[in-house]
Amino acid sequence: SCFRQNMDCEPSFGIFYRGQEVLSNTGLCYARVGQADSALKYYREGLAFIQTYQDSFPAKNGPFFDIARGVIYGNMGQVYLSVGKYDQALPLLQQSIEINRKPAHENRDAALAAIKLAQLYRETGDYEKILHALRTADSMLLIRPDASARLDWHRVMAWDYEQKGQMNPALNQLNRY
């Protein structure tokens, strides 16, 4: 395929970067149309691609490879969450947060993964952990603001307040959503 032939060219970080990006974005496309198996296939290929080629670019051995893996873990966790495979989603979301909450990493993605983790806790009835996940997301959104993620954060916060019978704060969060 053209994709594989591209990797036979003179090795460059740009070609590698685009290759892993294409695999990850293909996974995102499949996830958005509800094709979980295909999405996971491309996410796994993206992880394997990173593993295969990362040693080819020792000068780039900073956080890039970890960041890319962390984003993919969060995306995989979302797919498993969407199909109700919570035991498989949990460690992936946790890994994503652990990797990308670090300084100079993809803090916005850590926030998204933490919001997904709060949703997982909601789905599994582990209500005690929701607020901790939302606080993690909030701290990441203060570092790297994102309007869409903040809306999701308000939605899940409203639900958490509602579950606790705190209707005024729930309404306040819903108004912000």
Protein backbone atom coordinates (compact mmCIF):
# COMPACT_ATOMS: atom_id res chain seq x y z
CA SER A 1 0.00 0.00 0.00
CA CYS A 2 1.03 3.62 -0.38
CA PHE A 3 1.13 3.96 3.39
CA ARG A 4 3.72 1.18 3.79
CA GLN A 5 5.69 2.32 0.74
CA ASN A 6 5.98 5.74 2.32
CA MET A 7 7.92 4.17 5.18
CA ASP A 8 10.43 2.75 2.67
CA CYS A 9 11.47 6.31 1.78
CA GLU A 10 14.44 7.95 3.40
CA PRO A 11 13.55 7.88 7.09
CA SER A 12 12.37 11.21 8.38
CA PHE A 13 10.52 12.14 11.52
CA GLY A 14 7.89 13.94 9.41
CA ILE A 15 7.02 10.76 7.52
CA PHE A 16 6.92 8.79 10.77
CA TYR A 17 4.77 11.44 12.47
CA ARG A 18 2.26 11.51 9.63
CA GLY A 19 2.16 7.71 9.54
CA GLN A 20 1.21 7.34 13.19
CA GLU A 21 -1.21 10.24 12.81
CA VAL A 22 -2.96 8.55 9.87
CA LEU A 23 -3.38 5.31 11.83
CA SER A 24 -4.72 7.10 14.89
CA ASN A 25 -7.07 9.32 12.88
CA THR A 26 -8.37 6.29 10.98
CA GLY A 27 -9.18 4.75 14.35
CA LEU A 28 -10.98 7.94 15.36
CA CYS A 29 -13.07 7.83 12.18
CA TYR A 30 -14.14 4.27 12.81
CA ALA A 31 -14.91 5.08 16.44
CA ARG A 32 -17.11 8.00 15.43
CA VAL A 33 -19.21 5.82 13.15
CA GLY A 34 -19.59 3.16 15.84
CA GLN A 35 -17.26 0.53 14.38
CA ALA A 36 -15.41 -0.34 17.57
CA ASP A 37 -13.52 -3.37 16.26
CA SER A 38 -12.09 -1.44 13.31
CA ALA A 39 -11.24 1.53 15.52
CA LEU A 40 -9.36 -0.68 17.95
CA LYS A 41 -7.53 -2.38 15.08
CA TYR A 42 -6.16 0.95 13.85
CA TYR A 43 -5.31 2.15 17.36
CA ARG A 44 -3.33 -1.07 17.93
CA GLU A 45 -1.59 -0.58 14.59
CA GLY A 46 -0.73 2.97 15.65
CA LEU A 47 0.82 1.70 18.89
CA ALA A 48 2.78 -0.97 17.00
CA PHE A 49 3.91 1.64 14.46
CA ILE A 50 5.25 3.86 17.23
CA GLN A 51 7.02 0.92 18.86
CA THR A 52 8.58 -0.16 15.56
CA TYR A 53 9.92 3.21 14.48
CA GLN A 54 10.65 5.17 17.67
CA ASP A 55 14.26 3.96 17.87
CA SER A 56 14.84 5.36 14.38
CA PHE A 57 14.61 8.89 15.80
CA PRO A 58 16.76 9.04 18.95
CA ALA A 59 16.94 12.84 18.76
CA LYS A 60 13.16 12.92 19.26
CA ASN A 61 13.22 10.61 22.28
CA GLY A 62 11.61 13.28 24.44
CA PRO A 63 7.96 13.09 25.41
CA PHE A 64 6.59 12.78 21.86
CA PHE A 65 6.35 8.98 21.81
CA ASP A 66 4.78 8.81 25.26
CA ILE A 67 2.33 11.58 24.36
CA ALA A 68 1.26 9.75 21.19
CA ARG A 69 0.79 6.50 23.12
CA GLY A 70 -1.17 8.32 25.83
CA VAL A 71 -3.55 9.83 23.28
CA ILE A 72 -4.11 6.44 21.68
CA TYR A 73 -4.72 4.81 25.08
CA GLY A 74 -7.38 7.42 25.82
CA ASN A 75 -9.02 6.84 22.45
CA MET A 76 -9.01 3.09 22.99
CA GLY A 77 -10.47 3.59 26.46
CA GLN A 78 -13.28 5.65 24.95
CA VAL A 79 -14.08 2.87 22.47
CA TYR A 80 -14.22 0.26 25.22
CA LEU A 81 -16.34 2.62 27.34
CA SER A 82 -18.76 3.11 24.45
CA VAL A 83 -19.35 -0.64 24.11
CA GLY A 84 -19.62 -1.26 27.85
CA LYS A 85 -16.27 -3.03 28.29
CA TYR A 86 -15.42 -1.11 31.43
CA ASP A 87 -12.72 -3.47 32.69
CA GLN A 88 -10.78 -2.88 29.48
CA ALA A 89 -11.48 0.87 29.38
CA LEU A 90 -10.35 1.59 32.94
CA PRO A 91 -6.59 0.87 32.69
CA LEU A 92 -6.34 2.55 29.30
CA LEU A 93 -7.94 5.75 30.54
CA GLN A 94 -5.78 5.69 33.66
CA GLN A 95 -2.62 5.22 31.58
CA SER A 96 -3.63 8.05 29.27
CA ILE A 97 -4.13 10.41 32.20
CA GLU A 98 -0.90 9.34 33.89
CA ILE A 99 1.12 10.00 30.73
CA ASN A 100 -0.44 13.22 29.51
CA ARG A 101 -1.01 15.06 32.79
CA LYS A 102 2.74 15.71 32.98
CA PRO A 103 4.12 19.16 32.09
CA ALA A 104 4.88 19.60 28.37
CA HIS A 105 2.55 16.73 27.51
CA GLU A 106 -0.94 16.71 26.01
CA ASN A 107 -2.81 18.10 29.04
CA ARG A 108 -6.01 18.64 27.03
CA ASP A 109 -6.07 14.96 26.19
CA ALA A 110 -5.49 14.09 29.86
CA ALA A 111 -8.54 16.21 30.68
CA LEU A 112 -10.64 14.39 28.07
CA ALA A 113 -9.49 11.02 29.41
CA ALA A 114 -10.33 12.09 32.98
CA ILE A 115 -13.84 13.13 31.89
CA LYS A 116 -14.25 9.75 30.20
CA LEU A 117 -13.02 8.11 33.40
CA ALA A 118 -15.67 10.01 35.39
CA GLN A 119 -18.27 8.73 32.91
CA LEU A 120 -16.95 5.20 33.39
CA TYR A 121 -17.31 5.57 37.17
CA ARG A 122 -20.85 6.80 36.62
CA GLU A 123 -21.69 3.81 34.42
CA THR A 124 -20.21 1.34 36.91
CA GLY A 125 -21.78 2.99 39.95
CA ASP A 126 -18.41 3.90 41.47
CA TYR A 127 -19.72 7.32 42.50
CA GLU A 128 -17.01 7.95 45.09
CA LYS A 129 -14.38 8.32 42.34
CA ILE A 130 -16.25 10.63 39.98
CA LEU A 131 -15.30 13.86 41.73
CA HIS A 132 -11.60 12.93 41.83
CA ALA A 133 -11.62 12.27 38.07
CA LEU A 134 -13.42 15.57 37.45
CA ARG A 135 -10.92 17.46 39.62
CA THR A 136 -8.12 15.95 37.56
CA ALA A 137 -9.86 17.07 34.37
CA ASP A 138 -10.40 20.56 35.80
CA SER A 139 -6.74 20.95 36.71
CA MET A 140 -5.73 19.94 33.17
CA LEU A 141 -8.27 22.33 31.62
CA LEU A 142 -6.82 25.18 33.65
CA ILE A 143 -3.45 24.45 32.05
CA ARG A 144 -4.80 23.93 28.55
CA PRO A 145 -8.32 25.31 28.15
CA ASP A 146 -10.69 23.61 25.72
CA ALA A 147 -14.29 24.77 25.32
CA SER A 148 -15.68 21.43 24.19
CA ALA A 149 -14.00 19.51 27.00
CA ARG A 150 -15.18 22.12 29.49
CA LEU A 151 -18.78 21.59 28.31
CA ASP A 152 -18.45 17.85 28.90
CA TRP A 153 -16.95 18.59 32.30
CA HIS A 154 -19.97 20.75 33.25
CA ARG A 155 -22.36 18.03 32.04
CA VAL A 156 -20.74 15.33 34.18
CA MET A 157 -20.39 17.70 37.16
CA ALA A 158 -24.12 18.47 36.92
CA TRP A 159 -24.92 14.78 36.96
CA ASP A 160 -22.63 14.22 39.98
CA TYR A 161 -24.31 17.03 41.93
CA GLU A 162 -27.73 15.71 40.98
CA GLN A 163 -26.84 12.23 42.23
CA LYS A 164 -25.84 13.76 45.56
CA GLY A 165 -29.15 15.65 45.78
CA GLN A 166 -27.41 19.01 45.43
CA MET A 167 -29.83 20.54 42.95
CA ASN A 168 -28.67 24.18 43.04
CA PRO A 169 -25.06 23.35 42.10
CA ALA A 170 -26.39 20.82 39.54
CA LEU A 171 -28.54 23.50 37.93
CA ASN A 172 -25.60 25.91 37.95
CA GLN A 173 -23.46 23.35 36.09
CA LEU A 174 -26.28 22.61 33.62
CA ASN A 175 -26.63 26.32 32.89
CA ARG A 176 -22.94 26.40 32.02
CA TYR A 177 -23.36 23.32 29.82
